[in-house]
Amino acid sequence: MSQCIRVTATLFFCGMCCLGAQASFITYVTTAGSMTGGGDVDASVTFTTGTGTIMVTLNNLEPNPADEAELLSDLFFTVGNGTT
């Protein structure tokens, strides 16, 4: 019985710690039929924000790029204080 209480207390404590660490997820995906000089483009970016952090995940969804123009090369974004 005491092990059950210990597990419950541990889960409660972990849950309380997670309340202060909230994150936001924003994902953008290129629209269907997007093109560049080299051909089709298919990519996504996910921004994960936390307290004082931004994690950026880029995904090239083009299955067989035929030209270097179809590859991911750069990303520009602005945060709330105007920094790029």
PDB file of N, CA and C in Angstrom:
ATOM      1  N   MET A   1       0.813  -1.185   0.000  1.00  0.00           N
ATOM      2  CA  MET A   1       0.000   0.000   0.000  1.00  0.00           C
ATOM      3  C   MET A   1       0.862   1.256   0.000  1.00  0.00           C
ATOM      4  N   SER A   2       1.963   1.271   0.737  1.00  0.00           N
ATOM      5  CA  SER A   2       2.811   2.451   0.793  1.00  0.00           C
ATOM      6  C   SER A   2       3.492   2.710  -0.556  1.00  0.00           C
ATOM      7  N   GLN A   3       3.751   1.656  -1.337  1.00  0.00           N
ATOM      8  CA  GLN A   3       4.344   1.847  -2.661  1.00  0.00           C
ATOM      9  C   GLN A   3       3.346   2.554  -3.572  1.00  0.00           C
ATOM     10  N   CYS A   4       2.070   2.240  -3.477  1.00  0.00           N
ATOM     11  CA  CYS A   4       1.029   2.892  -4.268  1.00  0.00           C
ATOM     12  C   CYS A   4       0.971   4.383  -3.931  1.00  0.00           C
ATOM     13  N   ILE A   5       1.074   4.725  -2.660  1.00  0.00           N
ATOM     14  CA  ILE A   5       1.056   6.129  -2.237  1.00  0.00           C
ATOM     15  C   ILE A   5       2.297   6.834  -2.749  1.00  0.00           C
ATOM     16  N   ARG A   6       3.446   6.166  -2.686  1.00  0.00           N
ATOM     17  CA  ARG A   6       4.700   6.746  -3.178  1.00  0.00           C
ATOM     18  C   ARG A   6       4.623   7.032  -4.679  1.00  0.00           C
ATOM     19  N   VAL A   7       4.066   6.094  -5.452  1.00  0.00           N
ATOM     20  CA  VAL A   7       3.927   6.278  -6.900  1.00  0.00           C
ATOM     21  C   VAL A   7       2.972   7.425  -7.192  1.00  0.00           C
ATOM     22  N   THR A   8       1.856   7.478  -6.479  1.00  0.00           N
ATOM     23  CA  THR A   8       0.878   8.548  -6.666  1.00  0.00           C
ATOM     24  C   THR A   8       1.494   9.899  -6.328  1.00  0.00           C
ATOM     25  N   ALA A   9       2.233   9.993  -5.247  1.00  0.00           N
ATOM     26  CA  ALA A   9       2.878  11.243  -4.851  1.00  0.00           C
ATOM     27  C   ALA A   9       3.908  11.673  -5.889  1.00  0.00           C
ATOM     28  N   THR A  10       4.656  10.720  -6.424  1.00  0.00           N
ATOM     29  CA  THR A  10       5.654  11.033  -7.447  1.00  0.00           C
ATOM     30  C   THR A  10       4.983  11.556  -8.706  1.00  0.00           C
ATOM     31  N   LEU A  11       3.920  10.892  -9.154  1.00  0.00           N
ATOM     32  CA  LEU A  11       3.204  11.352 -10.348  1.00  0.00           C
ATOM     33  C   LEU A  11       2.596  12.732 -10.129  1.00  0.00           C
ATOM     34  N   PHE A  12       2.059  12.990  -8.947  1.00  0.00           N
ATOM     35  CA  PHE A  12       1.493  14.297  -8.632  1.00  0.00           C
ATOM     36  C   PHE A  12       2.581  15.370  -8.690  1.00  0.00           C
ATOM     37  N   PHE A  13       3.745  15.088  -8.089  1.00  0.00           N
ATOM     38  CA  PHE A  13       4.855  16.044  -8.089  1.00  0.00           C
ATOM     39  C   PHE A  13       5.318  16.338  -9.512  1.00  0.00           C
ATOM     40  N   CYS A  14       5.462  15.293 -10.343  1.00  0.00           N
ATOM     41  CA  CYS A  14       5.883  15.485 -11.739  1.00  0.00           C
ATOM     42  C   CYS A  14       4.852  16.307 -12.504  1.00  0.00           C
ATOM     43  N   GLY A  15       3.584  16.048 -12.255  1.00  0.00           N
ATOM     44  CA  GLY A  15       2.534  16.817 -12.909  1.00  0.00           C
ATOM     45  C   GLY A  15       2.569  18.277 -12.512  1.00  0.00           C
ATOM     46  N   MET A  16       2.834  18.572 -11.250  1.00  0.00           N
ATOM     47  CA  MET A  16       2.918  19.952 -10.782  1.00  0.00           C
ATOM     48  C   MET A  16       4.117  20.667 -11.401  1.00  0.00           C
ATOM     49  N   CYS A  17       5.214  19.967 -11.585  1.00  0.00           N
ATOM     50  CA  CYS A  17       6.400  20.575 -12.204  1.00  0.00           C
ATOM     51  C   CYS A  17       6.137  20.928 -13.655  1.00  0.00           C
ATOM     52  N   CYS A  18       5.331  20.145 -14.339  1.00  0.00           N
ATOM     53  CA  CYS A  18       5.053  20.383 -15.748  1.00  0.00           C
ATOM     54  C   CYS A  18       4.144  21.585 -15.968  1.00  0.00           C
ATOM     55  N   LEU A  19       3.414  22.015 -14.960  1.00  0.00           N
ATOM     56  CA  LEU A  19       2.505  23.141 -15.133  1.00  0.00           C
ATOM     57  C   LEU A  19       3.250  24.420 -15.510  1.00  0.00           C
ATOM     58  N   GLY A  20       4.451  24.622 -14.966  1.00  0.00           N
ATOM     59  CA  GLY A  20       5.212  25.835 -15.258  1.00  0.00           C
ATOM     60  C   GLY A  20       5.982  25.766 -16.556  1.00  0.00           C
ATOM     61  N   ALA A  21       6.139  24.598 -17.132  1.00  0.00           N
ATOM     62  CA  ALA A  21       6.934  24.430 -18.348  1.00  0.00           C
ATOM     63  C   ALA A  21       6.012  24.179 -19.536  1.00  0.00           C
ATOM     64  N   GLN A  22       5.356  25.223 -20.000  1.00  0.00           N
ATOM     65  CA  GLN A  22       4.453  25.081 -21.127  1.00  0.00           C
ATOM     66  C   GLN A  22       5.169  25.428 -22.415  1.00  0.00           C
ATOM     67  N   ALA A  23       4.796  24.763 -23.482  1.00  0.00           N
ATOM     68  CA  ALA A  23       5.408  25.005 -24.788  1.00  0.00           C
ATOM     69  C   ALA A  23       4.303  25.221 -25.809  1.00  0.00           C
ATOM     70  N   SER A  24       4.681  25.889 -26.890  1.00  0.00           N
ATOM     71  CA  SER A  24       3.749  26.125 -27.982  1.00  0.00           C
ATOM     72  C   SER A  24       4.359  25.552 -29.250  1.00  0.00           C
ATOM     73  N   PHE A  25       3.537  24.906 -30.070  1.00  0.00           N
ATOM     74  CA  PHE A  25       3.992  24.305 -31.317  1.00  0.00           C
ATOM     75  C   PHE A  25       3.267  24.982 -32.474  1.00  0.00           C
ATOM     76  N   ILE A  26       4.022  25.467 -33.442  1.00  0.00           N
ATOM     77  CA  ILE A  26       3.453  26.086 -34.639  1.00  0.00           C
ATOM     78  C   ILE A  26       4.118  25.430 -35.838  1.00  0.00           C
ATOM     79  N   THR A  27       3.330  24.894 -36.771  1.00  0.00           N
ATOM     80  CA  THR A  27       3.876  24.232 -37.948  1.00  0.00           C
ATOM     81  C   THR A  27       3.353  24.903 -39.204  1.00  0.00           C
ATOM     82  N   TYR A  28       4.242  25.144 -40.149  1.00  0.00           N
ATOM     83  CA  TYR A  28       3.896  25.668 -41.465  1.00  0.00           C
ATOM     84  C   TYR A  28       4.343  24.650 -42.509  1.00  0.00           C
ATOM     85  N   VAL A  29       3.518  24.453 -43.538  1.00  0.00           N
ATOM     86  CA  VAL A  29       3.823  23.521 -44.622  1.00  0.00           C
ATOM     87  C   VAL A  29       3.617  24.266 -45.935  1.00  0.00           C
ATOM     88  N   THR A  30       4.510  24.044 -46.908  1.00  0.00           N
ATOM     89  CA  THR A  30       4.335  24.680 -48.213  1.00  0.00           C
ATOM     90  C   THR A  30       3.008  24.238 -48.826  1.00  0.00           C
ATOM     91  N   THR A  31       2.397  25.134 -49.582  1.00  0.00           N
ATOM     92  CA  THR A  31       1.124  24.793 -50.216  1.00  0.00           C
ATOM     93  C   THR A  31       1.350  23.819 -51.365  1.00  0.00           C
ATOM     94  N   ALA A  32       0.342  23.000 -51.634  1.00  0.00           N
ATOM     95  CA  ALA A  32       0.438  22.021 -52.716  1.00  0.00           C
ATOM     96  C   ALA A  32       0.707  22.737 -54.035  1.00  0.00           C
ATOM     97  N   GLY A  33       1.612  22.200 -54.819  1.00  0.00           N
ATOM     98  CA  GLY A  33       1.953  22.778 -56.114  1.00  0.00           C
ATOM     99  C   GLY A  33       2.993  23.887 -56.059  1.00  0.00           C
ATOM    100  N   SER A  34       3.627  24.106 -54.892  1.00  0.00           N
ATOM    101  CA  SER A  34       4.662  25.134 -54.792  1.00  0.00           C
ATOM    102  C   SER A  34       5.832  24.787 -55.698  1.00  0.00           C
ATOM    103  N   MET A  35       6.359  25.801 -56.350  1.00  0.00           N
ATOM    104  CA  MET A  35       7.452  25.601 -57.315  1.00  0.00           C
ATOM    105  C   MET A  35       8.584  26.582 -57.032  1.00  0.00           C
ATOM    106  N   THR A  36       9.774  26.216 -57.498  1.00  0.00           N
ATOM    107  CA  THR A  36      10.934  27.089 -57.510  1.00  0.00           C
ATOM    108  C   THR A  36      11.558  26.957 -58.891  1.00  0.00           C
ATOM    109  N   GLY A  37      12.616  27.685 -59.145  1.00  0.00           N
ATOM    110  CA  GLY A  37      13.253  27.613 -60.456  1.00  0.00           C
ATOM    111  C   GLY A  37      13.675  26.215 -60.846  1.00  0.00           C
ATOM    112  N   GLY A  38      13.958  25.352 -59.863  1.00  0.00           N
ATOM    113  CA  GLY A  38      14.420  24.004 -60.141  1.00  0.00           C
ATOM    114  C   GLY A  38      13.326  22.960 -60.162  1.00  0.00           C
ATOM    115  N   GLY A  39      12.084  23.319 -59.809  1.00  0.00           N
ATOM    116  CA  GLY A  39      11.002  22.336 -59.809  1.00  0.00           C
ATOM    117  C   GLY A  39      10.135  22.434 -58.581  1.00  0.00           C
ATOM    118  N   ASP A  40       9.538  21.304 -58.201  1.00  0.00           N
ATOM    119  CA  ASP A  40       8.619  21.257 -57.061  1.00  0.00           C
ATOM    120  C   ASP A  40       9.335  21.519 -55.742  1.00  0.00           C
ATOM    121  N   VAL A  41       8.571  22.064 -54.793  1.00  0.00           N
ATOM    122  CA  VAL A  41       9.074  22.299 -53.444  1.00  0.00           C
ATOM    123  C   VAL A  41       8.041  21.769 -52.464  1.00  0.00           C
ATOM    124  N   ASP A  42       8.485  21.003 -51.487  1.00  0.00           N
ATOM    125  CA  ASP A  42       7.603  20.482 -50.452  1.00  0.00           C
ATOM    126  C   ASP A  42       8.401  20.441 -49.158  1.00  0.00           C
ATOM    127  N   ALA A  43       8.053  21.308 -48.207  1.00  0.00           N
ATOM    128  CA  ALA A  43       8.813  21.405 -46.964  1.00  0.00           C
ATOM    129  C   ALA A  43       7.898  21.837 -45.829  1.00  0.00           C
ATOM    130  N   SER A  44       8.370  21.644 -44.606  1.00  0.00           N
ATOM    131  CA  SER A  44       7.637  22.112 -43.429  1.00  0.00           C
ATOM    132  C   SER A  44       8.630  22.644 -42.408  1.00  0.00           C
ATOM    133  N   VAL A  45       8.127  23.507 -41.546  1.00  0.00           N
ATOM    134  CA  VAL A  45       8.918  24.016 -40.428  1.00  0.00           C
ATOM    135  C   VAL A  45       8.027  24.000 -39.195  1.00  0.00           C
ATOM    136  N   THR A  46       8.599  23.571 -38.078  1.00  0.00           N
ATOM    137  CA  THR A  46       7.878  23.582 -36.810  1.00  0.00           C
ATOM    138  C   THR A  46       8.668  24.425 -35.826  1.00  0.00           C
ATOM    139  N   PHE A  47       7.995  25.405 -35.226  1.00  0.00           N
ATOM    140  CA  PHE A  47       8.577  26.236 -34.180  1.00  0.00           C
ATOM    141  C   PHE A  47       8.027  25.738 -32.855  1.00  0.00           C
ATOM    142  N   THR A  48       8.920  25.400 -31.935  1.00  0.00           N
ATOM    143  CA  THR A  48       8.539  24.996 -30.589  1.00  0.00           C
ATOM    144  C   THR A  48       9.097  26.034 -29.639  1.00  0.00           C
ATOM    145  N   THR A  49       8.204  26.739 -28.947  1.00  0.00           N
ATOM    146  CA  THR A  49       8.656  27.795 -28.048  1.00  0.00           C
ATOM    147  C   THR A  49       8.499  27.350 -26.609  1.00  0.00           C
ATOM    148  N   GLY A  50       9.430  27.774 -25.799  1.00  0.00           N
ATOM    149  CA  GLY A  50       9.389  27.520 -24.369  1.00  0.00           C
ATOM    150  C   GLY A  50       9.867  28.767 -23.654  1.00  0.00           C
ATOM    151  N   THR A  51      10.055  28.683 -22.396  1.00  0.00           N
ATOM    152  CA  THR A  51      10.512  29.823 -21.619  1.00  0.00           C
ATOM    153  C   THR A  51      11.919  30.212 -22.058  1.00  0.00           C
ATOM    154  N   GLY A  52      12.016  31.312 -22.804  1.00  0.00           N
ATOM    155  CA  GLY A  52      13.312  31.816 -23.259  1.00  0.00           C
ATOM    156  C   GLY A  52      13.952  31.021 -24.380  1.00  0.00           C
ATOM    157  N   THR A  53      13.218  30.104 -25.023  1.00  0.00           N
ATOM    158  CA  THR A  53      13.816  29.295 -26.081  1.00  0.00           C
ATOM    159  C   THR A  53      12.892  29.195 -27.291  1.00  0.00           C
ATOM    160  N   ILE A  54      13.492  28.989 -28.444  1.00  0.00           N
ATOM    161  CA  ILE A  54      12.779  28.661 -29.671  1.00  0.00           C
ATOM    162  C   ILE A  54      13.539  27.531 -30.341  1.00  0.00           C
ATOM    163  N   MET A  55      12.876  26.407 -30.582  1.00  0.00           N
ATOM    164  CA  MET A  55      13.484  25.309 -31.314  1.00  0.00           C
ATOM    165  C   MET A  55      12.834  25.262 -32.693  1.00  0.00           C
ATOM    166  N   VAL A  56      13.648  25.238 -33.739  1.00  0.00           N
ATOM    167  CA  VAL A  56      13.166  25.234 -35.111  1.00  0.00           C
ATOM    168  C   VAL A  56      13.529  23.895 -35.745  1.00  0.00           C
ATOM    169  N   THR A  57      12.520  23.207 -36.306  1.00  0.00           N
ATOM    170  CA  THR A  57      12.740  21.934 -36.977  1.00  0.00           C
ATOM    171  C   THR A  57      12.320  22.082 -38.430  1.00  0.00           C
ATOM    172  N   LEU A  58      13.264  21.908 -39.355  1.00  0.00           N
ATOM    173  CA  LEU A  58      12.999  21.989 -40.788  1.00  0.00           C
ATOM    174  C   LEU A  58      12.923  20.589 -41.367  1.00  0.00           C
ATOM    175  N   ASN A  59      11.955  20.371 -42.250  1.00  0.00           N
ATOM    176  CA  ASN A  59      11.806  19.071 -42.913  1.00  0.00           C
ATOM    177  C   ASN A  59      11.651  19.278 -44.403  1.00  0.00           C
ATOM    178  N   ASN A  60      12.519  18.653 -45.194  1.00  0.00           N
ATOM    179  CA  ASN A  60      12.367  18.657 -46.638  1.00  0.00           C
ATOM    180  C   ASN A  60      11.514  17.449 -46.982  1.00  0.00           C
ATOM    181  N   LEU A  61      10.285  17.696 -47.448  1.00  0.00           N
ATOM    182  CA  LEU A  61       9.337  16.615 -47.723  1.00  0.00           C
ATOM    183  C   LEU A  61       9.358  16.174 -49.183  1.00  0.00           C
ATOM    184  N   GLU A  62      10.234  16.779 -49.987  1.00  0.00           N
ATOM    185  CA  GLU A  62      10.361  16.426 -51.404  1.00  0.00           C
ATOM    186  C   GLU A  62      11.061  15.074 -51.483  1.00  0.00           C
ATOM    187  N   PRO A  63      10.401  14.034 -52.030  1.00  0.00           N
ATOM    188  CA  PRO A  63      10.970  12.685 -51.976  1.00  0.00           C
ATOM    189  C   PRO A  63      12.266  12.503 -52.763  1.00  0.00           C
ATOM    190  N   ASN A  64      12.378  13.056 -53.953  1.00  0.00           N
ATOM    191  CA  ASN A  64      13.578  12.883 -54.765  1.00  0.00           C
ATOM    192  C   ASN A  64      13.944  14.214 -55.417  1.00  0.00           C
ATOM    193  N   PRO A  65      14.623  15.101 -54.673  1.00  0.00           N
ATOM    194  CA  PRO A  65      14.978  16.394 -55.261  1.00  0.00           C
ATOM    195  C   PRO A  65      15.838  16.197 -56.514  1.00  0.00           C
ATOM    196  N   ALA A  66      15.447  16.869 -57.601  1.00  0.00           N
ATOM    197  CA  ALA A  66      16.171  16.731 -58.865  1.00  0.00           C
ATOM    198  C   ALA A  66      17.108  17.910 -59.103  1.00  0.00           C
ATOM    199  N   ASP A  67      17.002  18.951 -58.261  1.00  0.00           N
ATOM    200  CA  ASP A  67      17.802  20.149 -58.456  1.00  0.00           C
ATOM    201  C   ASP A  67      18.117  20.729 -57.083  1.00  0.00           C
ATOM    202  N   GLU A  68      19.265  21.376 -56.933  1.00  0.00           N
ATOM    203  CA  GLU A  68      19.620  21.953 -55.638  1.00  0.00           C
ATOM    204  C   GLU A  68      18.652  23.044 -55.208  1.00  0.00           C
ATOM    205  N   ALA A  69      17.927  23.640 -56.139  1.00  0.00           N
ATOM    206  CA  ALA A  69      16.928  24.656 -55.794  1.00  0.00           C
ATOM    207  C   ALA A  69      15.752  24.052 -55.029  1.00  0.00           C
ATOM    208  N   GLU A  70      15.578  22.734 -55.073  1.00  0.00           N
ATOM    209  CA  GLU A  70      14.502  22.062 -54.351  1.00  0.00           C
ATOM    210  C   GLU A  70      14.876  21.739 -52.905  1.00  0.00           C
ATOM    211  N   LEU A  71      16.119  22.003 -52.525  1.00  0.00           N
ATOM    212  CA  LEU A  71      16.580  21.719 -51.173  1.00  0.00           C
ATOM    213  C   LEU A  71      16.311  22.912 -50.261  1.00  0.00           C
ATOM    214  N   LEU A  72      16.238  22.674 -48.957  1.00  0.00           N
ATOM    215  CA  LEU A  72      16.096  23.762 -47.994  1.00  0.00           C
ATOM    216  C   LEU A  72      17.396  24.548 -47.934  1.00  0.00           C
ATOM    217  N   SER A  73      17.285  25.874 -47.985  1.00  0.00           N
ATOM    218  CA  SER A  73      18.512  26.654 -47.949  1.00  0.00           C
ATOM    219  C   SER A  73      18.508  27.729 -46.873  1.00  0.00           C
ATOM    220  N   ASP A  74      17.368  28.322 -46.558  1.00  0.00           N
ATOM    221  CA  ASP A  74      17.347  29.335 -45.512  1.00  0.00           C
ATOM    222  C   ASP A  74      15.941  29.540 -44.986  1.00  0.00           C
ATOM    223  N   LEU A  75      15.862  30.192 -43.838  1.00  0.00           N
ATOM    224  CA  LEU A  75      14.600  30.474 -43.180  1.00  0.00           C
ATOM    225  C   LEU A  75      14.752  31.804 -42.467  1.00  0.00           C
ATOM    226  N   PHE A  76      13.771  32.677 -42.621  1.00  0.00           N
ATOM    227  CA  PHE A  76      13.761  33.949 -41.920  1.00  0.00           C
ATOM    228  C   PHE A  76      12.507  34.019 -41.064  1.00  0.00           C
ATOM    229  N   PHE A  77      12.653  34.478 -39.839  1.00  0.00           N
ATOM    230  CA  PHE A  77      11.502  34.699 -38.978  1.00  0.00           C
ATOM    231  C   PHE A  77      11.820  35.806 -37.994  1.00  0.00           C
ATOM    232  N   THR A  78      10.800  36.412 -37.450  1.00  0.00           N
ATOM    233  CA  THR A  78      10.945  37.513 -36.492  1.00  0.00           C
ATOM    234  C   THR A  78      10.263  37.135 -35.195  1.00  0.00           C
ATOM    235  N   VAL A  79      10.941  37.332 -34.081  1.00  0.00           N
ATOM    236  CA  VAL A  79      10.326  37.094 -32.770  1.00  0.00           C
ATOM    237  C   VAL A  79       9.732  38.400 -32.260  1.00  0.00           C
ATOM    238  N   GLY A  80       9.013  38.346 -31.182  1.00  0.00           N
ATOM    239  CA  GLY A  80       8.267  39.499 -30.660  1.00  0.00           C
ATOM    240  C   GLY A  80       9.072  40.763 -30.456  1.00  0.00           C
ATOM    241  N   ASN A  81      10.362  40.662 -30.140  1.00  0.00           N
ATOM    242  CA  ASN A  81      11.140  41.887 -29.882  1.00  0.00           C
ATOM    243  C   ASN A  81      11.817  42.406 -31.150  1.00  0.00           C
ATOM    244  N   GLY A  82      11.524  41.835 -32.326  1.00  0.00           N
ATOM    245  CA  GLY A  82      12.058  42.331 -33.584  1.00  0.00           C
ATOM    246  C   GLY A  82      13.369  41.715 -34.012  1.00  0.00           C
ATOM    247  N   THR A  83      13.900  40.756 -33.275  1.00  0.00           N
ATOM    248  CA  THR A  83      15.160  40.104 -33.624  1.00  0.00           C
ATOM    249  C   THR A  83      14.912  39.062 -34.705  1.00  0.00           C
ATOM    250  N   THR A  84      15.802  38.974 -35.710  1.00  0.00           N
ATOM    251  CA  THR A  84      15.658  37.927 -36.720  1.00  0.00           C
ATOM    252  C   THR A  84      16.665  36.826 -36.465  1.00  0.00           C
TER     253      THR A  84
END
